[in-house]
Protein backbone atom coordinates (compact mmCIF):
# COMPACT_ATOMS: atom_id res chain seq x y z
CA MET A 1 5.30 -10.58 -15.95
CA ARG A 2 2.78 -7.97 -16.96
CA ILE A 3 0.96 -5.91 -14.34
CA ASP A 4 -2.04 -3.98 -15.62
CA GLY A 5 -2.79 -0.59 -14.12
CA TYR A 6 -4.83 2.49 -14.82
CA LEU A 7 -4.57 6.28 -14.76
CA ASP A 8 -6.79 8.02 -12.22
CA GLU A 9 -8.05 11.14 -13.99
CA ARG A 10 -9.04 12.79 -10.69
CA TYR A 11 -5.39 13.81 -10.26
CA GLU A 12 -3.54 16.48 -12.23
CA PRO A 13 -1.61 15.11 -13.97
CA PRO A 14 -3.43 11.75 -14.00
CA ALA A 15 -1.81 9.36 -11.50
CA PRO A 16 -0.89 5.71 -12.18
CA PHE A 17 -2.44 3.03 -9.95
CA VAL A 18 -2.51 -0.76 -9.78
CA ARG A 19 -5.11 -2.89 -8.07
CA ALA A 20 -3.66 -5.60 -5.82
CA THR A 21 -4.96 -8.09 -3.29
CA VAL A 22 -3.55 -7.73 0.22
CA LEU A 23 -3.31 -11.14 1.89
CA SER A 24 -2.47 -12.07 5.48
CA LYS A 25 -3.21 -15.43 7.09
CA ASP A 26 -2.28 -14.06 10.53
CA LEU A 27 -4.77 -11.19 10.21
CA GLU A 28 -7.33 -13.31 8.31
CA LEU A 29 -7.24 -10.65 5.61
CA ARG A 30 -7.90 -10.81 1.89
CA HIS A 31 -8.90 -7.50 0.34
CA VAL A 32 -8.34 -5.53 -2.87
CA VAL A 33 -6.49 -2.22 -2.50
CA ASN A 34 -5.61 0.39 -5.13
CA PHE A 35 -1.93 1.33 -4.89
CA HIS A 36 -0.48 4.54 -6.31
CA VAL A 37 2.59 3.68 -8.39
CA ASP A 38 5.67 5.66 -7.39
CA THR A 39 8.72 4.26 -9.15
CA GLY A 40 11.03 6.33 -6.93
CA ALA A 41 9.66 4.99 -3.65
CA ALA A 42 11.83 2.73 -1.50
CA VAL A 43 8.87 1.16 0.35
CA THR A 44 5.16 0.54 -0.12
CA THR A 45 2.70 1.49 2.61
CA LEU A 46 -1.02 1.40 3.29
CA LEU A 47 -2.76 4.66 4.05
CA ASP A 48 -4.50 5.12 7.41
CA LYS A 49 -7.87 5.12 5.64
CA ASP A 50 -7.09 1.72 4.09
CA VAL A 51 -6.09 0.29 7.48
CA LYS A 52 -9.45 1.45 8.90
CA ARG A 53 -11.42 0.20 5.88
CA LEU A 54 -9.73 -3.21 6.09
CA LYS A 55 -10.29 -3.28 9.88
CA ILE A 56 -6.65 -4.16 10.56
CA ASP A 57 -5.90 -4.55 14.26
CA LEU A 58 -2.60 -2.68 14.65
CA GLU A 59 -1.85 -4.60 17.86
CA LYS A 60 -1.54 -7.81 15.81
CA LEU A 61 1.11 -6.40 13.45
CA LYS A 62 4.77 -7.30 13.80
CA ARG A 63 7.32 -4.51 14.06
CA ALA A 64 9.09 -3.76 10.78
CA GLU A 65 12.65 -5.06 10.47
CA ARG A 66 13.66 -1.60 9.24
CA GLY A 67 11.99 1.77 9.45
CA CYS A 68 10.29 3.51 6.55
CA LEU A 69 12.21 6.74 7.09
CA ARG A 70 15.95 7.14 6.84
CA LYS A 71 18.02 9.87 8.42
CA HIS A 72 20.07 11.90 6.00
CA GLY A 73 23.61 12.99 6.78
């Protein structure tokens, strides 16, 4: 599978992004979001500003099966 992306020149060095559609039947959501590509990341998250822009009701979200942060040691 090929996923096309782009380099955002506003960053130094230019940062890689992909455009993806976020879908949720439960939230009645279908919206395009630009995701920063971080090949070392263990999880993918939406920024607070994207949650506001998409008008996601946080009360309707299910709790994650595992947390985003892990304790070291």
